[in-house]
PDB file of N, CA and C in Angstrom:
ATOM      1  N   MET A   1       1.207   5.804  18.473  1.00  0.00           N
ATOM      2  CA  MET A   1       2.032   4.912  17.636  1.00  0.00           C
ATOM      3  C   MET A   1       2.640   5.735  16.510  1.00  0.00           C
ATOM      4  N   ASN A   2       3.901   5.582  16.324  1.00  0.00           N
ATOM      5  CA  ASN A   2       4.533   6.228  15.175  1.00  0.00           C
ATOM      6  C   ASN A   2       5.226   5.164  14.350  1.00  0.00           C
ATOM      7  N   ARG A   3       4.682   4.936  13.173  1.00  0.00           N
ATOM      8  CA  ARG A   3       5.324   4.015  12.241  1.00  0.00           C
ATOM      9  C   ARG A   3       6.084   4.841  11.215  1.00  0.00           C
ATOM     10  N   THR A   4       7.118   4.242  10.682  1.00  0.00           N
ATOM     11  CA  THR A   4       7.861   4.856   9.597  1.00  0.00           C
ATOM     12  C   THR A   4       7.499   4.125   8.324  1.00  0.00           C
ATOM     13  N   ILE A   5       7.177   4.876   7.293  1.00  0.00           N
ATOM     14  CA  ILE A   5       6.854   4.296   5.992  1.00  0.00           C
ATOM     15  C   ILE A   5       8.031   4.510   5.053  1.00  0.00           C
ATOM     16  N   ILE A   6       8.448   3.429   4.418  1.00  0.00           N
ATOM     17  CA  ILE A   6       9.567   3.483   3.470  1.00  0.00           C
ATOM     18  C   ILE A   6       9.078   2.962   2.125  1.00  0.00           C
ATOM     19  N   PHE A   7       9.425   3.656   1.050  1.00  0.00           N
ATOM     20  CA  PHE A   7       9.105   3.191  -0.297  1.00  0.00           C
ATOM     21  C   PHE A   7      10.210   2.244  -0.742  1.00  0.00           C
ATOM     22  N   TYR A   8       9.826   1.027  -1.116  1.00  0.00           N
ATOM     23  CA  TYR A   8      10.793   0.061  -1.635  1.00  0.00           C
ATOM     24  C   TYR A   8      11.435   0.599  -2.907  1.00  0.00           C
ATOM     25  N   THR A   9      12.746   0.424  -3.008  1.00  0.00           N
ATOM     26  CA  THR A   9      13.487   0.825  -4.207  1.00  0.00           C
ATOM     27  C   THR A   9      14.243  -0.389  -4.731  1.00  0.00           C
ATOM     28  N   THR A  10      14.156  -0.635  -6.024  1.00  0.00           N
ATOM     29  CA  THR A  10      14.844  -1.778  -6.623  1.00  0.00           C
ATOM     30  C   THR A  10      16.343  -1.516  -6.679  1.00  0.00           C
ATOM     31  N   VAL A  11      17.118  -2.576  -6.957  1.00  0.00           N
ATOM     32  CA  VAL A  11      18.570  -2.423  -7.049  1.00  0.00           C
ATOM     33  C   VAL A  11      18.982  -1.439  -8.134  1.00  0.00           C
ATOM     34  N   ASP A  12      18.157  -1.329  -9.186  1.00  0.00           N
ATOM     35  CA  ASP A  12      18.504  -0.380 -10.252  1.00  0.00           C
ATOM     36  C   ASP A  12      17.880   1.002 -10.022  1.00  0.00           C
ATOM     37  N   GLY A  13      17.402   1.252  -8.798  1.00  0.00           N
ATOM     38  CA  GLY A  13      16.967   2.598  -8.439  1.00  0.00           C
ATOM     39  C   GLY A  13      15.514   2.948  -8.741  1.00  0.00           C
ATOM     40  N   LYS A  14      14.728   1.979  -9.221  1.00  0.00           N
ATOM     41  CA  LYS A  14      13.315   2.266  -9.501  1.00  0.00           C
ATOM     42  C   LYS A  14      12.507   2.226  -8.195  1.00  0.00           C
ATOM     43  N   CYS A  15      11.487   3.063  -8.137  1.00  0.00           N
ATOM     44  CA  CYS A  15      10.630   3.116  -6.955  1.00  0.00           C
ATOM     45  C   CYS A  15       9.172   2.949  -7.402  1.00  0.00           C
ATOM     46  N   PRO A  16       8.673   1.698  -7.397  1.00  0.00           N
ATOM     47  CA  PRO A  16       7.336   1.433  -7.923  1.00  0.00           C
ATOM     48  C   PRO A  16       6.219   2.240  -7.251  1.00  0.00           C
ATOM     49  N   VAL A  17       6.304   2.465  -5.948  1.00  0.00           N
ATOM     50  CA  VAL A  17       5.255   3.237  -5.261  1.00  0.00           C
ATOM     51  C   VAL A  17       5.256   4.681  -5.734  1.00  0.00           C
ATOM     52  N   GLN A  18       6.444   5.259  -5.885  1.00  0.00           N
ATOM     53  CA  GLN A  18       6.527   6.645  -6.359  1.00  0.00           C
ATOM     54  C   GLN A  18       5.973   6.748  -7.780  1.00  0.00           C
ATOM     55  N   ASP A  19       6.306   5.777  -8.619  1.00  0.00           N
ATOM     56  CA  ASP A  19       5.775   5.758  -9.988  1.00  0.00           C
ATOM     57  C   ASP A  19       4.248   5.684  -9.976  1.00  0.00           C
ATOM     58  N   PHE A  20       3.701   4.840  -9.095  1.00  0.00           N
ATOM     59  CA  PHE A  20       2.250   4.713  -8.954  1.00  0.00           C
ATOM     60  C   PHE A  20       1.632   6.048  -8.529  1.00  0.00           C
ATOM     61  N   LEU A  21       2.210   6.668  -7.501  1.00  0.00           N
ATOM     62  CA  LEU A  21       1.684   7.945  -7.000  1.00  0.00           C
ATOM     63  C   LEU A  21       1.759   9.039  -8.058  1.00  0.00           C
ATOM     64  N   ASP A  22       2.850   9.054  -8.809  1.00  0.00           N
ATOM     65  CA  ASP A  22       3.033  10.074  -9.852  1.00  0.00           C
ATOM     66  C   ASP A  22       1.965   9.965 -10.942  1.00  0.00           C
ATOM     67  N   GLY A  23       1.404   8.761 -11.123  1.00  0.00           N
ATOM     68  CA  GLY A  23       0.406   8.550 -12.162  1.00  0.00           C
ATOM     69  C   GLY A  23      -1.026   8.846 -11.727  1.00  0.00           C
ATOM     70  N   LEU A  24      -1.223   9.209 -10.464  1.00  0.00           N
ATOM     71  CA  LEU A  24      -2.574   9.460  -9.948  1.00  0.00           C
ATOM     72  C   LEU A  24      -2.976  10.912 -10.114  1.00  0.00           C
ATOM     73  N   SER A  25      -4.277  11.146 -10.178  1.00  0.00           N
ATOM     74  CA  SER A  25      -4.771  12.533 -10.189  1.00  0.00           C
ATOM     75  C   SER A  25      -4.531  13.142  -8.812  1.00  0.00           C
ATOM     76  N   GLY A  26      -4.591  14.457  -8.738  1.00  0.00           N
ATOM     77  CA  GLY A  26      -4.332  15.158  -7.477  1.00  0.00           C
ATOM     78  C   GLY A  26      -5.219  14.702  -6.335  1.00  0.00           C
ATOM     79  N   LYS A  27      -6.527  14.569  -6.603  1.00  0.00           N
ATOM     80  CA  LYS A  27      -7.469  14.188  -5.550  1.00  0.00           C
ATOM     81  C   LYS A  27      -7.219  12.768  -5.045  1.00  0.00           C
ATOM     82  N   VAL A  28      -6.923  11.856  -5.957  1.00  0.00           N
ATOM     83  CA  VAL A  28      -6.639  10.475  -5.542  1.00  0.00           C
ATOM     84  C   VAL A  28      -5.341  10.437  -4.744  1.00  0.00           C
ATOM     85  N   ALA A  29      -4.317  11.150  -5.208  1.00  0.00           N
ATOM     86  CA  ALA A  29      -3.035  11.194  -4.496  1.00  0.00           C
ATOM     87  C   ALA A  29      -3.229  11.744  -3.081  1.00  0.00           C
ATOM     88  N   GLN A  30      -4.077  12.771  -2.930  1.00  0.00           N
ATOM     89  CA  GLN A  30      -4.357  13.327  -1.598  1.00  0.00           C
ATOM     90  C   GLN A  30      -4.984  12.275  -0.686  1.00  0.00           C
ATOM     91  N   LYS A  31      -5.899  11.481  -1.225  1.00  0.00           N
ATOM     92  CA  LYS A  31      -6.551  10.432  -0.431  1.00  0.00           C
ATOM     93  C   LYS A  31      -5.537   9.368  -0.033  1.00  0.00           C
ATOM     94  N   VAL A  32      -4.634   9.004  -0.955  1.00  0.00           N
ATOM     95  CA  VAL A  32      -3.591   8.028  -0.641  1.00  0.00           C
ATOM     96  C   VAL A  32      -2.720   8.543   0.499  1.00  0.00           C
ATOM     97  N   VAL A  33      -2.301   9.783   0.425  1.00  0.00           N
ATOM     98  CA  VAL A  33      -1.462  10.374   1.473  1.00  0.00           C
ATOM     99  C   VAL A  33      -2.202  10.362   2.815  1.00  0.00           C
ATOM    100  N   TRP A  34      -3.501  10.668   2.784  1.00  0.00           N
ATOM    101  CA  TRP A  34      -4.309  10.654   4.002  1.00  0.00           C
ATOM    102  C   TRP A  34      -4.326   9.261   4.639  1.00  0.00           C
ATOM    103  N   VAL A  35      -4.513   8.216   3.816  1.00  0.00           N
ATOM    104  CA  VAL A  35      -4.524   6.843   4.324  1.00  0.00           C
ATOM    105  C   VAL A  35      -3.140   6.463   4.870  1.00  0.00           C
ATOM    106  N   LEU A  36      -2.079   6.878   4.187  1.00  0.00           N
ATOM    107  CA  LEU A  36      -0.725   6.575   4.674  1.00  0.00           C
ATOM    108  C   LEU A  36      -0.451   7.268   6.006  1.00  0.00           C
ATOM    109  N   ARG A  37      -1.015   8.455   6.199  1.00  0.00           N
ATOM    110  CA  ARG A  37      -0.870   9.137   7.498  1.00  0.00           C
ATOM    111  C   ARG A  37      -1.555   8.348   8.615  1.00  0.00           C
ATOM    112  N   LEU A  38      -2.714   7.764   8.308  1.00  0.00           N
ATOM    113  CA  LEU A  38      -3.378   6.902   9.293  1.00  0.00           C
ATOM    114  C   LEU A  38      -2.439   5.763   9.695  1.00  0.00           C
ATOM    115  N   LEU A  39      -1.808   5.163   8.707  1.00  0.00           N
ATOM    116  CA  LEU A  39      -0.885   4.055   8.949  1.00  0.00           C
ATOM    117  C   LEU A  39       0.283   4.500   9.838  1.00  0.00           C
ATOM    118  N   GLU A  40       0.756   5.717   9.605  1.00  0.00           N
ATOM    119  CA  GLU A  40       1.860   6.239  10.417  1.00  0.00           C
ATOM    120  C   GLU A  40       1.424   6.533  11.852  1.00  0.00           C
ATOM    121  N   ASP A  41       0.219   7.071  12.007  1.00  0.00           N
ATOM    122  CA  ASP A  41      -0.164   7.664  13.290  1.00  0.00           C
ATOM    123  C   ASP A  41      -1.026   6.804  14.206  1.00  0.00           C
ATOM    124  N   LEU A  42      -1.865   5.935  13.647  1.00  0.00           N
ATOM    125  CA  LEU A  42      -2.818   5.186  14.479  1.00  0.00           C
ATOM    126  C   LEU A  42      -2.254   3.853  14.927  1.00  0.00           C
ATOM    127  N   GLU A  43      -2.468   3.525  16.198  1.00  0.00           N
ATOM    128  CA  GLU A  43      -2.082   2.214  16.730  1.00  0.00           C
ATOM    129  C   GLU A  43      -2.866   1.114  16.008  1.00  0.00           C
ATOM    130  N   MET A  44      -4.180   1.286  15.943  1.00  0.00           N
ATOM    131  CA  MET A  44      -5.057   0.323  15.267  1.00  0.00           C
ATOM    132  C   MET A  44      -5.685   1.024  14.065  1.00  0.00           C
ATOM    133  N   VAL A  45      -5.219   0.691  12.877  1.00  0.00           N
ATOM    134  CA  VAL A  45      -5.758   1.304  11.663  1.00  0.00           C
ATOM    135  C   VAL A  45      -7.031   0.540  11.285  1.00  0.00           C
ATOM    136  N   PRO A  46      -8.144   1.245  11.046  1.00  0.00           N
ATOM    137  CA  PRO A  46      -9.383   0.546  10.674  1.00  0.00           C
ATOM    138  C   PRO A  46      -9.175  -0.350   9.446  1.00  0.00           C
ATOM    139  N   VAL A  47      -9.804  -1.530   9.484  1.00  0.00           N
ATOM    140  CA  VAL A  47      -9.628  -2.525   8.423  1.00  0.00           C
ATOM    141  C   VAL A  47     -10.092  -1.999   7.059  1.00  0.00           C
ATOM    142  N   ILE A  48     -10.946  -1.007   7.062  1.00  0.00           N
ATOM    143  CA  ILE A  48     -11.370  -0.415   5.788  1.00  0.00           C
ATOM    144  C   ILE A  48     -10.187   0.226   5.052  1.00  0.00           C
ATOM    145  N   TYR A  49      -9.122   0.593   5.801  1.00  0.00           N
ATOM    146  CA  TYR A  49      -7.952   1.250   5.201  1.00  0.00           C
ATOM    147  C   TYR A  49      -6.688   0.388   5.184  1.00  0.00           C
ATOM    148  N   PHE A  50      -6.645  -0.662   6.021  1.00  0.00           N
ATOM    149  CA  PHE A  50      -5.399  -1.425   6.141  1.00  0.00           C
ATOM    150  C   PHE A  50      -5.734  -2.838   6.594  1.00  0.00           C
ATOM    151  N   LYS A  51      -5.262  -3.836   5.822  1.00  0.00           N
ATOM    152  CA  LYS A  51      -5.668  -5.208   6.118  1.00  0.00           C
ATOM    153  C   LYS A  51      -4.594  -6.187   5.667  1.00  0.00           C
ATOM    154  N   LYS A  52      -4.381  -7.246   6.462  1.00  0.00           N
ATOM    155  CA  LYS A  52      -3.460  -8.312   6.060  1.00  0.00           C
ATOM    156  C   LYS A  52      -4.147  -9.149   4.988  1.00  0.00           C
ATOM    157  N   LEU A  53      -3.404  -9.503   3.955  1.00  0.00           N
ATOM    158  CA  LEU A  53      -3.954 -10.340   2.895  1.00  0.00           C
ATOM    159  C   LEU A  53      -3.907 -11.808   3.307  1.00  0.00           C
ATOM    160  N   ILE A  54      -5.055 -12.452   3.268  1.00  0.00           N
ATOM    161  CA  ILE A  54      -5.167 -13.867   3.631  1.00  0.00           C
ATOM    162  C   ILE A  54      -4.393 -14.698   2.614  1.00  0.00           C
ATOM    163  N   GLY A  55      -3.700 -15.729   3.100  1.00  0.00           N
ATOM    164  CA  GLY A  55      -2.988 -16.639   2.211  1.00  0.00           C
ATOM    165  C   GLY A  55      -1.637 -16.105   1.768  1.00  0.00           C
ATOM    166  N   THR A  56      -1.111 -15.106   2.480  1.00  0.00           N
ATOM    167  CA  THR A  56       0.211 -14.559   2.147  1.00  0.00           C
ATOM    168  C   THR A  56       1.127 -14.740   3.351  1.00  0.00           C
ATOM    169  N   GLU A  57       2.425 -14.652   3.096  1.00  0.00           N
ATOM    170  CA  GLU A  57       3.390 -14.702   4.190  1.00  0.00           C
ATOM    171  C   GLU A  57       3.083 -13.586   5.174  1.00  0.00           C
ATOM    172  N   ASP A  58       3.320 -12.381   4.783  1.00  0.00           N
ATOM    173  CA  ASP A  58       3.040 -11.230   5.636  1.00  0.00           C
ATOM    174  C   ASP A  58       2.799  -9.992   4.812  1.00  0.00           C
ATOM    175  N   ILE A  59       1.982 -10.117   3.780  1.00  0.00           N
ATOM    176  CA  ILE A  59       1.682  -8.977   2.917  1.00  0.00           C
ATOM    177  C   ILE A  59       0.404  -8.305   3.405  1.00  0.00           C
ATOM    178  N   TRP A  60       0.474  -7.007   3.533  1.00  0.00           N
ATOM    179  CA  TRP A  60      -0.652  -6.184   3.946  1.00  0.00           C
ATOM    180  C   TRP A  60      -1.025  -5.279   2.782  1.00  0.00           C
ATOM    181  N   GLU A  61      -2.246  -4.741   2.806  1.00  0.00           N
ATOM    182  CA  GLU A  61      -2.640  -3.797   1.776  1.00  0.00           C
ATOM    183  C   GLU A  61      -3.200  -2.529   2.401  1.00  0.00           C
ATOM    184  N   CYS A  62      -2.741  -1.401   1.873  1.00  0.00           N
ATOM    185  CA  CYS A  62      -3.356  -0.107   2.167  1.00  0.00           C
ATOM    186  C   CYS A  62      -4.503   0.007   1.181  1.00  0.00           C
ATOM    187  N   ARG A  63      -5.679   0.321   1.704  1.00  0.00           N
ATOM    188  CA  ARG A  63      -6.891   0.284   0.894  1.00  0.00           C
ATOM    189  C   ARG A  63      -7.411   1.703   0.700  1.00  0.00           C
ATOM    190  N   ILE A  64      -7.503   2.134  -0.551  1.00  0.00           N
ATOM    191  CA  ILE A  64      -7.938   3.487  -0.872  1.00  0.00           C
ATOM    192  C   ILE A  64      -9.120   3.400  -1.826  1.00  0.00           C
ATOM    193  N   ARG A  65     -10.173   4.109  -1.481  1.00  0.00           N
ATOM    194  CA  ARG A  65     -11.342   4.177  -2.357  1.00  0.00           C
ATOM    195  C   ARG A  65     -11.560   5.656  -2.662  1.00  0.00           C
ATOM    196  N   HIS A  66     -11.685   5.967  -3.944  1.00  0.00           N
ATOM    197  CA  HIS A  66     -11.984   7.347  -4.344  1.00  0.00           C
ATOM    198  C   HIS A  66     -13.021   7.290  -5.448  1.00  0.00           C
ATOM    199  N   ALA A  67     -14.138   7.972  -5.223  1.00  0.00           N
ATOM    200  CA  ALA A  67     -15.285   7.890  -6.129  1.00  0.00           C
ATOM    201  C   ALA A  67     -15.639   6.415  -6.291  1.00  0.00           C
ATOM    202  N   SER A  68     -15.684   5.908  -7.502  1.00  0.00           N
ATOM    203  CA  SER A  68     -16.022   4.487  -7.673  1.00  0.00           C
ATOM    204  C   SER A  68     -14.777   3.646  -7.937  1.00  0.00           C
ATOM    205  N   ASN A  69     -13.599   4.214  -7.756  1.00  0.00           N
ATOM    206  CA  ASN A  69     -12.352   3.494  -8.019  1.00  0.00           C
ATOM    207  C   ASN A  69     -11.725   2.989  -6.725  1.00  0.00           C
ATOM    208  N   ILE A  70     -11.047   1.854  -6.839  1.00  0.00           N
ATOM    209  CA  ILE A  70     -10.388   1.247  -5.693  1.00  0.00           C
ATOM    210  C   ILE A  70      -8.905   1.096  -6.028  1.00  0.00           C
ATOM    211  N   TYR A  71      -8.065   1.519  -5.082  1.00  0.00           N
ATOM    212  CA  TYR A  71      -6.616   1.442  -5.259  1.00  0.00           C
ATOM    213  C   TYR A  71      -6.034   0.662  -4.090  1.00  0.00           C
ATOM    214  N   ARG A  72      -4.926  -0.023  -4.354  1.00  0.00           N
ATOM    215  CA  ARG A  72      -4.234  -0.768  -3.312  1.00  0.00           C
ATOM    216  C   ARG A  72      -2.745  -0.472  -3.391  1.00  0.00           C
ATOM    217  N   ILE A  73      -2.136  -0.380  -2.218  1.00  0.00           N
ATOM    218  CA  ILE A  73      -0.673  -0.342  -2.113  1.00  0.00           C
ATOM    219  C   ILE A  73      -0.305  -1.510  -1.217  1.00  0.00           C
ATOM    220  N   LEU A  74       0.505  -2.423  -1.739  1.00  0.00           N
ATOM    221  CA  LEU A  74       0.902  -3.584  -0.952  1.00  0.00           C
ATOM    222  C   LEU A  74       2.168  -3.274  -0.174  1.00  0.00           C
ATOM    223  N   CYS A  75       2.300  -3.914   0.986  1.00  0.00           N
ATOM    224  CA  CYS A  75       3.426  -3.609   1.867  1.00  0.00           C
ATOM    225  C   CYS A  75       3.686  -4.756   2.829  1.00  0.00           C
ATOM    226  N   PHE A  76       4.758  -4.627   3.589  1.00  0.00           N
ATOM    227  CA  PHE A  76       5.070  -5.589   4.652  1.00  0.00           C
ATOM    228  C   PHE A  76       5.778  -4.840   5.773  1.00  0.00           C
ATOM    229  N   PHE A  77       5.794  -5.453   6.948  1.00  0.00           N
ATOM    230  CA  PHE A  77       6.471  -4.853   8.096  1.00  0.00           C
ATOM    231  C   PHE A  77       7.912  -5.327   8.136  1.00  0.00           C
ATOM    232  N   GLU A  78       8.851  -4.374   8.214  1.00  0.00           N
ATOM    233  CA  GLU A  78      10.253  -4.744   8.412  1.00  0.00           C
ATOM    234  C   GLU A  78      10.495  -4.976   9.895  1.00  0.00           C
ATOM    235  N   SER A  79       9.831  -4.182  10.713  1.00  0.00           N
ATOM    236  CA  SER A  79       9.833  -4.343  12.168  1.00  0.00           C
ATOM    237  C   SER A  79       8.463  -3.866  12.638  1.00  0.00           C
ATOM    238  N   ARG A  80       8.264  -3.825  13.920  1.00  0.00           N
ATOM    239  CA  ARG A  80       6.967  -3.411  14.441  1.00  0.00           C
ATOM    240  C   ARG A  80       6.577  -1.999  14.004  1.00  0.00           C
ATOM    241  N   SER A  81       7.594  -1.165  13.804  1.00  0.00           N
ATOM    242  CA  SER A  81       7.297   0.236  13.507  1.00  0.00           C
ATOM    243  C   SER A  81       7.772   0.705  12.133  1.00  0.00           C
ATOM    244  N   VAL A  82       8.215  -0.229  11.287  1.00  0.00           N
ATOM    245  CA  VAL A  82       8.669   0.143   9.942  1.00  0.00           C
ATOM    246  C   VAL A  82       7.883  -0.650   8.900  1.00  0.00           C
ATOM    247  N   VAL A  83       7.227   0.092   7.997  1.00  0.00           N
ATOM    248  CA  VAL A  83       6.427  -0.522   6.937  1.00  0.00           C
ATOM    249  C   VAL A  83       7.081  -0.202   5.595  1.00  0.00           C
ATOM    250  N   ILE A  84       7.312  -1.235   4.797  1.00  0.00           N
ATOM    251  CA  ILE A  84       7.891  -1.066   3.466  1.00  0.00           C
ATOM    252  C   ILE A  84       6.762  -1.182   2.439  1.00  0.00           C
ATOM    253  N   LEU A  85       6.524  -0.112   1.686  1.00  0.00           N
ATOM    254  CA  LEU A  85       5.528  -0.142   0.614  1.00  0.00           C
ATOM    255  C   LEU A  85       6.199  -0.666  -0.650  1.00  0.00           C
ATOM    256  N   THR A  86       5.620  -1.715  -1.257  1.00  0.00           N
ATOM    257  CA  THR A  86       6.260  -2.320  -2.426  1.00  0.00           C
ATOM    258  C   THR A  86       5.794  -1.696  -3.738  1.00  0.00           C
ATOM    259  N   HIS A  87       4.476  -1.609  -3.943  1.00  0.00           N
ATOM    260  CA  HIS A  87       3.949  -1.056  -5.199  1.00  0.00           C
ATOM    261  C   HIS A  87       2.452  -0.833  -5.045  1.00  0.00           C
ATOM    262  N   GLY A  88       1.886  -0.085  -5.972  1.00  0.00           N
ATOM    263  CA  GLY A  88       0.457   0.196  -5.947  1.00  0.00           C
ATOM    264  C   GLY A  88      -0.182  -0.129  -7.280  1.00  0.00           C
ATOM    265  N   PHE A  89      -1.511  -0.269  -7.274  1.00  0.00           N
ATOM    266  CA  PHE A  89      -2.248  -0.549  -8.504  1.00  0.00           C
ATOM    267  C   PHE A  89      -3.711  -0.192  -8.300  1.00  0.00           C
ATOM    268  N   GLU A  90      -4.412  -0.031  -9.406  1.00  0.00           N
ATOM    269  CA  GLU A  90      -5.852   0.165  -9.344  1.00  0.00           C
ATOM    270  C   GLU A  90      -6.498  -1.211  -9.381  1.00  0.00           C
ATOM    271  N   LYS A  91      -7.379  -1.455  -8.443  1.00  0.00           N
ATOM    272  CA  LYS A  91      -8.013  -2.766  -8.321  1.00  0.00           C
ATOM    273  C   LYS A  91      -9.257  -2.818  -9.191  1.00  0.00           C
ATOM    274  N   LYS A  92      -9.338  -3.834 -10.043  1.00  0.00           N
ATOM    275  CA  LYS A  92     -10.442  -3.953 -10.995  1.00  0.00           C
ATOM    276  C   LYS A  92     -11.370  -5.121 -10.676  1.00  0.00           C
ATOM    277  N   SER A  93     -10.956  -6.021  -9.787  1.00  0.00           N
ATOM    278  CA  SER A  93     -11.762  -7.210  -9.490  1.00  0.00           C
ATOM    279  C   SER A  93     -11.954  -7.335  -7.983  1.00  0.00           C
ATOM    280  N   MET A  94     -12.793  -8.262  -7.572  1.00  0.00           N
ATOM    281  CA  MET A  94     -13.077  -8.443  -6.149  1.00  0.00           C
ATOM    282  C   MET A  94     -11.831  -8.878  -5.376  1.00  0.00           C
ATOM    283  N   LYS A  95     -11.100  -9.842  -5.913  1.00  0.00           N
ATOM    284  CA  LYS A  95      -9.919 -10.351  -5.225  1.00  0.00           C
ATOM    285  C   LYS A  95      -8.675  -9.598  -5.697  1.00  0.00           C
ATOM    286  N   THR A  96      -7.728  -9.456  -4.779  1.00  0.00           N
ATOM    287  CA  THR A  96      -6.440  -8.884  -5.157  1.00  0.00           C
ATOM    288  C   THR A  96      -5.737  -9.890  -6.075  1.00  0.00           C
ATOM    289  N   PRO A  97      -5.337  -9.465  -7.280  1.00  0.00           N
ATOM    290  CA  PRO A  97      -4.718 -10.413  -8.225  1.00  0.00           C
ATOM    291  C   PRO A  97      -3.467 -11.084  -7.654  1.00  0.00           C
ATOM    292  N   ARG A  98      -3.362 -12.387  -7.875  1.00  0.00           N
ATOM    293  CA  ARG A  98      -2.230 -13.173  -7.365  1.00  0.00           C
ATOM    294  C   ARG A  98      -0.898 -12.604  -7.849  1.00  0.00           C
ATOM    295  N   GLN A  99      -0.855 -12.112  -9.099  1.00  0.00           N
ATOM    296  CA  GLN A  99       0.424 -11.593  -9.625  1.00  0.00           C
ATOM    297  C   GLN A  99       0.865 -10.357  -8.823  1.00  0.00           C
ATOM    298  N   GLU A 100      -0.069  -9.578  -8.311  1.00  0.00           N
ATOM    299  CA  GLU A 100       0.293  -8.414  -7.494  1.00  0.00           C
ATOM    300  C   GLU A 100       0.859  -8.870  -6.147  1.00  0.00           C
ATOM    301  N   ILE A 101       0.245  -9.906  -5.570  1.00  0.00           N
ATOM    302  CA  ILE A 101       0.741 -10.454  -4.305  1.00  0.00           C
ATOM    303  C   ILE A 101       2.135 -11.042  -4.511  1.00  0.00           C
ATOM    304  N   ASP A 102       2.308 -11.817  -5.595  1.00  0.00           N
ATOM    305  CA  ASP A 102       3.623 -12.418  -5.888  1.00  0.00           C
ATOM    306  C   ASP A 102       4.679 -11.333  -6.050  1.00  0.00           C
ATOM    307  N   ARG A 103       4.310 -10.249  -6.708  1.00  0.00           N
ATOM    308  CA  ARG A 103       5.248  -9.132  -6.917  1.00  0.00           C
ATOM    309  C   ARG A 103       5.662  -8.531  -5.582  1.00  0.00           C
ATOM    310  N   ALA A 104       4.703  -8.365  -4.676  1.00  0.00           N
ATOM    311  CA  ALA A 104       5.026  -7.800  -3.363  1.00  0.00           C
ATOM    312  C   ALA A 104       5.910  -8.748  -2.556  1.00  0.00           C
ATOM    313  N   GLU A 105       5.623 -10.053  -2.646  1.00  0.00           N
ATOM    314  CA  GLU A 105       6.414 -11.030  -1.877  1.00  0.00           C
ATOM    315  C   GLU A 105       7.847 -11.136  -2.390  1.00  0.00           C
ATOM    316  N   SER A 106       8.022 -10.957  -3.689  1.00  0.00           N
ATOM    317  CA  SER A 106       9.389 -11.062  -4.222  1.00  0.00           C
ATOM    318  C   SER A 106      10.162  -9.794  -3.926  1.00  0.00           C
TER     319      SER A 106
END
């Protein structure tokens, strides 16, 4: 399986995923890239790394854990083989915050 990953860019040229990645330490950024490669290359990505969010239209999350920190990048499928990454954040609570889901859906 070969999926294409695209970073969402706003009309005014901002790229929230790139901004998120730029703010990470080197080791965390490496882990994020590793998880994104799984998304590109594997037909069935293990749920520990990629999961559809319950109660959403079609929002999925890339799941990254590094040391004791948890990071998420929200995304959706444009087609079967194209994934649009909307934005990323560090997860501080058990549930993915509704405002993050709303941001990805908009």
